[in-house]
Amino acid sequence: MKGKRMLKVLSHFTTTLLFIVLLVTLFSVIAMKASGGEASVFGYQLKTVLSGSMEPEIQTGSIVAIKNANGQVTFQKGDIITFRTNDDMIVTHRIAEVEDGQYVTKGDANDAADAEQVSQENVIGEYTGFTLPYAGYVMNFANSSEGGAILLVLPGVGLLLYSIITIWRALRKIDQSGQEAKTD
């Protein structure tokens, strides 16, 4: 009796977990697509680090949380900022110097400062210190059309297969109890 009750609890837990994973994945993919791939959680932008220029503090493939600059006028030497370059790339580097309202930035792992200085209007935000290693690879995959489709389809297929197995077991149980009733 305890074994059946435990299996029933495990069955409900699995169904609930698959359904939650499906809903979270669906929400995440739709939110990322709607915002043009710019994931945001509680007012913090999540950015994927694609190079090793800030290692060892920020590893390649990590997700970092960026607090929006919101018109903050100045940052100081040593602050880590995310900014848009003149080539429209997004970079996260440390401020090496402040010169005439412009920021000289440098990646921690780089030998020299960046060639271009960064103006305040190009600053997107400041690194908060929150890093999630390797999650950026998953976020980039989810942001691709193939990845988004796979991340939506897999939990759905898992839930569907689990439902089919549960229905099949229930029908088998009904069939067995019907055969037992005939023999009585």
C-alpha atoms as a PDB file:
ATOM      1  CA  MET A   1       0.000   0.000   0.000  1.00  0.00           C
ATOM      2  CA  LYS A   2       2.815   2.407   0.857  1.00  0.00           C
ATOM      3  CA  GLY A   3       4.534   1.578  -2.432  1.00  0.00           C
ATOM      4  CA  LYS A   4       1.426   2.513  -4.464  1.00  0.00           C
ATOM      5  CA  ARG A   5       0.992   5.747  -2.540  1.00  0.00           C
ATOM      6  CA  MET A   6       4.662   6.614  -3.091  1.00  0.00           C
ATOM      7  CA  LEU A   7       4.345   5.899  -6.829  1.00  0.00           C
ATOM      8  CA  LYS A   8       1.253   8.097  -7.000  1.00  0.00           C
ATOM      9  CA  VAL A   9       3.042  10.976  -5.244  1.00  0.00           C
ATOM     10  CA  LEU A  10       6.056  10.520  -7.533  1.00  0.00           C
ATOM     11  CA  SER A  11       3.748  10.488 -10.559  1.00  0.00           C
ATOM     12  CA  HIS A  12       2.064  13.754  -9.531  1.00  0.00           C
ATOM     13  CA  PHE A  13       5.436  15.322  -8.763  1.00  0.00           C
ATOM     14  CA  THR A  14       6.807  14.339 -12.192  1.00  0.00           C
ATOM     15  CA  THR A  15       3.740  15.681 -13.988  1.00  0.00           C
ATOM     16  CA  THR A  16       3.890  18.954 -12.068  1.00  0.00           C
ATOM     17  CA  LEU A  17       7.634  19.320 -12.648  1.00  0.00           C
ATOM     18  CA  LEU A  18       7.317  18.706 -16.412  1.00  0.00           C
ATOM     19  CA  PHE A  19       4.453  21.189 -16.627  1.00  0.00           C
ATOM     20  CA  ILE A  20       6.411  23.852 -14.703  1.00  0.00           C
ATOM     21  CA  VAL A  21       9.491  23.318 -16.898  1.00  0.00           C
ATOM     22  CA  LEU A  22       7.294  23.687 -19.980  1.00  0.00           C
ATOM     23  CA  LEU A  23       5.713  26.925 -18.689  1.00  0.00           C
ATOM     24  CA  VAL A  24       9.034  28.455 -17.550  1.00  0.00           C
ATOM     25  CA  THR A  25      10.688  27.573 -20.856  1.00  0.00           C
ATOM     26  CA  LEU A  26       7.750  28.941 -22.813  1.00  0.00           C
ATOM     27  CA  PHE A  27       7.766  32.187 -20.809  1.00  0.00           C
ATOM     28  CA  SER A  28      11.546  32.572 -21.088  1.00  0.00           C
ATOM     29  CA  VAL A  29      11.704  31.986 -24.837  1.00  0.00           C
ATOM     30  CA  ILE A  30       8.752  34.305 -25.542  1.00  0.00           C
ATOM     31  CA  ALA A  31      10.174  37.026 -23.264  1.00  0.00           C
ATOM     32  CA  MET A  32      13.580  36.802 -24.936  1.00  0.00           C
ATOM     33  CA  LYS A  33      12.073  36.892 -28.432  1.00  0.00           C
ATOM     34  CA  ALA A  34       9.799  39.829 -27.535  1.00  0.00           C
ATOM     35  CA  SER A  35      12.704  41.837 -26.138  1.00  0.00           C
ATOM     36  CA  GLY A  36      14.993  41.104 -29.071  1.00  0.00           C
ATOM     37  CA  GLY A  37      17.132  38.654 -27.108  1.00  0.00           C
ATOM     38  CA  GLU A  38      17.668  41.037 -24.190  1.00  0.00           C
ATOM     39  CA  ALA A  39      16.672  39.020 -21.162  1.00  0.00           C
ATOM     40  CA  SER A  40      15.754  41.080 -18.128  1.00  0.00           C
ATOM     41  CA  VAL A  41      15.026  39.951 -14.574  1.00  0.00           C
ATOM     42  CA  PHE A  42      13.818  42.339 -11.842  1.00  0.00           C
ATOM     43  CA  GLY A  43      15.161  45.342 -13.740  1.00  0.00           C
ATOM     44  CA  TYR A  44      18.590  43.850 -14.389  1.00  0.00           C
ATOM     45  CA  GLN A  45      19.667  43.033 -17.933  1.00  0.00           C
ATOM     46  CA  LEU A  46      21.246  39.639 -18.440  1.00  0.00           C
ATOM     47  CA  LYS A  47      24.154  39.629 -20.867  1.00  0.00           C
ATOM     48  CA  THR A  48      26.155  36.716 -22.223  1.00  0.00           C
ATOM     49  CA  VAL A  49      29.944  36.987 -22.074  1.00  0.00           C
ATOM     50  CA  LEU A  50      31.380  35.756 -25.367  1.00  0.00           C
ATOM     51  CA  SER A  51      35.112  36.312 -24.835  1.00  0.00           C
ATOM     52  CA  GLY A  52      37.724  35.728 -22.187  1.00  0.00           C
ATOM     53  CA  SER A  53      38.791  39.367 -21.906  1.00  0.00           C
ATOM     54  CA  MET A  54      37.505  39.665 -18.320  1.00  0.00           C
ATOM     55  CA  GLU A  55      38.780  36.330 -17.021  1.00  0.00           C
ATOM     56  CA  PRO A  56      39.265  35.188 -14.324  1.00  0.00           C
ATOM     57  CA  GLU A  57      36.578  37.436 -12.788  1.00  0.00           C
ATOM     58  CA  ILE A  58      34.046  36.712 -15.560  1.00  0.00           C
ATOM     59  CA  GLN A  59      34.392  33.449 -17.476  1.00  0.00           C
ATOM     60  CA  THR A  60      33.571  32.995 -21.144  1.00  0.00           C
ATOM     61  CA  GLY A  61      30.028  31.676 -21.551  1.00  0.00           C
ATOM     62  CA  SER A  62      28.778  33.224 -18.324  1.00  0.00           C
ATOM     63  CA  ILE A  63      25.669  35.303 -17.868  1.00  0.00           C
ATOM     64  CA  VAL A  64      26.215  38.571 -16.024  1.00  0.00           C
ATOM     65  CA  ALA A  65      23.621  40.883 -14.491  1.00  0.00           C
ATOM     66  CA  ILE A  66      23.883  44.514 -15.545  1.00  0.00           C
ATOM     67  CA  LYS A  67      22.183  47.333 -13.652  1.00  0.00           C
ATOM     68  CA  ASN A  68      20.932  49.930 -16.135  1.00  0.00           C
ATOM     69  CA  ALA A  69      22.889  53.178 -16.102  1.00  0.00           C
ATOM     70  CA  ASN A  70      19.655  55.242 -16.036  1.00  0.00           C
ATOM     71  CA  GLY A  71      21.452  58.508 -16.708  1.00  0.00           C
ATOM     72  CA  GLN A  72      24.149  57.966 -14.085  1.00  0.00           C
ATOM     73  CA  VAL A  73      26.637  60.656 -14.925  1.00  0.00           C
ATOM     74  CA  THR A  74      29.890  59.165 -13.736  1.00  0.00           C
ATOM     75  CA  PHE A  75      31.557  55.905 -13.058  1.00  0.00           C
ATOM     76  CA  GLN A  76      34.895  55.548 -11.349  1.00  0.00           C
ATOM     77  CA  LYS A  77      38.165  53.846 -12.082  1.00  0.00           C
ATOM     78  CA  GLY A  78      37.800  50.142 -11.302  1.00  0.00           C
ATOM     79  CA  ASP A  79      34.058  49.940 -12.076  1.00  0.00           C
ATOM     80  CA  ILE A  80      33.049  47.264 -14.572  1.00  0.00           C
ATOM     81  CA  ILE A  81      30.665  48.641 -17.192  1.00  0.00           C
ATOM     82  CA  THR A  82      28.832  47.283 -20.199  1.00  0.00           C
ATOM     83  CA  PHE A  83      28.860  49.612 -23.180  1.00  0.00           C
ATOM     84  CA  ARG A  84      28.167  49.823 -26.882  1.00  0.00           C
ATOM     85  CA  THR A  85      31.189  50.378 -29.135  1.00  0.00           C
ATOM     86  CA  ASN A  86      31.255  52.491 -32.303  1.00  0.00           C
ATOM     87  CA  ASP A  87      31.002  49.187 -34.209  1.00  0.00           C
ATOM     88  CA  ASP A  88      27.717  48.490 -32.352  1.00  0.00           C
ATOM     89  CA  MET A  89      29.216  45.652 -30.312  1.00  0.00           C
ATOM     90  CA  ILE A  90      28.354  45.228 -26.643  1.00  0.00           C
ATOM     91  CA  VAL A  91      31.400  44.914 -24.379  1.00  0.00           C
ATOM     92  CA  THR A  92      31.861  44.484 -20.631  1.00  0.00           C
ATOM     93  CA  HIS A  93      35.225  45.839 -19.420  1.00  0.00           C
ATOM     94  CA  ARG A  94      36.744  47.554 -16.407  1.00  0.00           C
ATOM     95  CA  ILE A  95      37.339  51.315 -16.364  1.00  0.00           C
ATOM     96  CA  ALA A  96      41.116  51.851 -16.333  1.00  0.00           C
ATOM     97  CA  GLU A  97      40.982  55.657 -16.342  1.00  0.00           C
ATOM     98  CA  VAL A  98      38.554  58.543 -16.603  1.00  0.00           C
ATOM     99  CA  GLU A  99      39.717  61.313 -18.960  1.00  0.00           C
ATOM    100  CA  ASP A 100      37.608  64.409 -19.701  1.00  0.00           C
ATOM    101  CA  GLY A 101      34.323  62.604 -19.079  1.00  0.00           C
ATOM    102  CA  GLN A 102      35.376  59.685 -21.284  1.00  0.00           C
ATOM    103  CA  TYR A 103      36.194  56.210 -19.989  1.00  0.00           C
ATOM    104  CA  VAL A 104      39.334  54.338 -20.922  1.00  0.00           C
ATOM    105  CA  THR A 105      38.394  50.679 -20.586  1.00  0.00           C
ATOM    106  CA  LYS A 106      40.382  47.470 -20.529  1.00  0.00           C
ATOM    107  CA  GLY A 107      39.581  43.803 -20.191  1.00  0.00           C
ATOM    108  CA  ASP A 108      41.285  42.271 -17.141  1.00  0.00           C
ATOM    109  CA  ALA A 109      42.957  39.604 -19.305  1.00  0.00           C
ATOM    110  CA  ASN A 110      44.002  42.065 -22.032  1.00  0.00           C
ATOM    111  CA  ASP A 111      47.494  43.549 -22.206  1.00  0.00           C
ATOM    112  CA  ALA A 112      46.412  46.995 -23.407  1.00  0.00           C
ATOM    113  CA  ALA A 113      43.488  49.358 -22.976  1.00  0.00           C
ATOM    114  CA  ASP A 114      40.707  49.398 -25.569  1.00  0.00           C
ATOM    115  CA  ALA A 115      41.449  51.543 -28.636  1.00  0.00           C
ATOM    116  CA  GLU A 116      38.249  53.592 -28.319  1.00  0.00           C
ATOM    117  CA  GLN A 117      37.270  55.636 -25.305  1.00  0.00           C
ATOM    118  CA  VAL A 118      33.708  55.196 -24.069  1.00  0.00           C
ATOM    119  CA  SER A 119      31.343  58.142 -23.696  1.00  0.00           C
ATOM    120  CA  GLN A 120      28.625  58.188 -21.029  1.00  0.00           C
ATOM    121  CA  GLU A 121      25.832  57.868 -23.618  1.00  0.00           C
ATOM    122  CA  ASN A 122      27.319  54.550 -24.813  1.00  0.00           C
ATOM    123  CA  VAL A 123      27.259  53.026 -21.326  1.00  0.00           C
ATOM    124  CA  ILE A 124      24.435  50.487 -20.992  1.00  0.00           C
ATOM    125  CA  GLY A 125      24.955  49.684 -17.349  1.00  0.00           C
ATOM    126  CA  GLU A 126      27.234  48.556 -14.549  1.00  0.00           C
ATOM    127  CA  TYR A 127      28.162  44.975 -13.736  1.00  0.00           C
ATOM    128  CA  THR A 128      26.511  43.988 -10.450  1.00  0.00           C
ATOM    129  CA  GLY A 129      28.880  41.201  -9.481  1.00  0.00           C
ATOM    130  CA  PHE A 130      26.327  38.471 -10.293  1.00  0.00           C
ATOM    131  CA  THR A 131      27.730  35.852 -12.657  1.00  0.00           C
ATOM    132  CA  LEU A 132      26.203  32.545 -13.710  1.00  0.00           C
ATOM    133  CA  PRO A 133      28.989  30.477 -15.321  1.00  0.00           C
ATOM    134  CA  TYR A 134      28.234  28.585 -18.563  1.00  0.00           C
ATOM    135  CA  ALA A 135      24.563  29.635 -18.611  1.00  0.00           C
ATOM    136  CA  GLY A 136      25.302  32.025 -21.466  1.00  0.00           C
ATOM    137  CA  TYR A 137      25.798  29.098 -23.811  1.00  0.00           C
ATOM    138  CA  VAL A 138      22.266  27.917 -22.996  1.00  0.00           C
ATOM    139  CA  MET A 139      20.868  31.463 -23.354  1.00  0.00           C
ATOM    140  CA  ASN A 140      22.488  31.891 -26.780  1.00  0.00           C
ATOM    141  CA  PHE A 141      21.155  28.492 -27.844  1.00  0.00           C
ATOM    142  CA  ALA A 142      17.658  29.390 -26.606  1.00  0.00           C
ATOM    143  CA  ASN A 143      17.839  32.689 -28.494  1.00  0.00           C
ATOM    144  CA  SER A 144      18.463  30.901 -31.794  1.00  0.00           C
ATOM    145  CA  SER A 145      15.417  29.786 -33.776  1.00  0.00           C
ATOM    146  CA  GLU A 146      16.430  26.111 -33.538  1.00  0.00           C
ATOM    147  CA  GLY A 147      17.199  26.350 -29.837  1.00  0.00           C
ATOM    148  CA  GLY A 148      13.940  28.119 -29.031  1.00  0.00           C
ATOM    149  CA  ALA A 149      11.979  25.471 -30.891  1.00  0.00           C
ATOM    150  CA  ILE A 150      13.838  22.605 -29.224  1.00  0.00           C
ATOM    151  CA  LEU A 151      13.491  24.097 -25.751  1.00  0.00           C
ATOM    152  CA  LEU A 152       9.760  24.482 -26.294  1.00  0.00           C
ATOM    153  CA  VAL A 153       9.202  21.111 -27.948  1.00  0.00           C
ATOM    154  CA  LEU A 154      11.235  18.859 -25.622  1.00  0.00           C
ATOM    155  CA  PRO A 155       9.323  19.563 -22.375  1.00  0.00           C
ATOM    156  CA  GLY A 156       6.046  19.370 -24.310  1.00  0.00           C
ATOM    157  CA  VAL A 157       6.974  16.011 -25.822  1.00  0.00           C
ATOM    158  CA  GLY A 158       8.096  14.788 -22.396  1.00  0.00           C
ATOM    159  CA  LEU A 159       4.776  15.821 -20.869  1.00  0.00           C
ATOM    160  CA  LEU A 160       2.856  14.202 -23.739  1.00  0.00           C
ATOM    161  CA  LEU A 161       4.806  10.919 -23.463  1.00  0.00           C
ATOM    162  CA  TYR A 162       4.367  10.876 -19.710  1.00  0.00           C
ATOM    163  CA  SER A 163       0.605  11.445 -20.146  1.00  0.00           C
ATOM    164  CA  ILE A 164       0.383   8.609 -22.674  1.00  0.00           C
ATOM    165  CA  ILE A 165       2.196   6.229 -20.314  1.00  0.00           C
ATOM    166  CA  THR A 166      -0.047   7.266 -17.410  1.00  0.00           C
ATOM    167  CA  ILE A 167      -3.215   6.744 -19.490  1.00  0.00           C
ATOM    168  CA  TRP A 168      -1.932   3.380 -20.758  1.00  0.00           C
ATOM    169  CA  ARG A 169      -1.237   2.229 -17.174  1.00  0.00           C
ATOM    170  CA  ALA A 170      -4.688   3.368 -16.040  1.00  0.00           C
ATOM    171  CA  LEU A 171      -6.375   1.530 -18.922  1.00  0.00           C
ATOM    172  CA  ARG A 172      -4.351  -1.605 -18.183  1.00  0.00           C
ATOM    173  CA  LYS A 173      -5.361  -1.395 -14.528  1.00  0.00           C
ATOM    174  CA  ILE A 174      -9.053  -1.022 -15.500  1.00  0.00           C
ATOM    175  CA  ASP A 175      -8.745  -3.984 -17.883  1.00  0.00           C
ATOM    176  CA  GLN A 176      -7.144  -6.139 -15.171  1.00  0.00           C
ATOM    177  CA  SER A 177      -9.831  -5.275 -12.620  1.00  0.00           C
ATOM    178  CA  GLY A 178     -12.505  -6.030 -15.252  1.00  0.00           C
ATOM    179  CA  GLN A 179     -10.988  -9.475 -15.917  1.00  0.00           C
ATOM    180  CA  GLU A 180     -10.808 -10.168 -12.174  1.00  0.00           C
ATOM    181  CA  ALA A 181     -14.504  -9.265 -11.846  1.00  0.00           C
ATOM    182  CA  LYS A 182     -15.407 -11.732 -14.634  1.00  0.00           C
ATOM    183  CA  THR A 183     -13.582 -14.601 -12.906  1.00  0.00           C
ATOM    184  CA  ASP A 184     -15.373 -13.975  -9.609  1.00  0.00           C
END
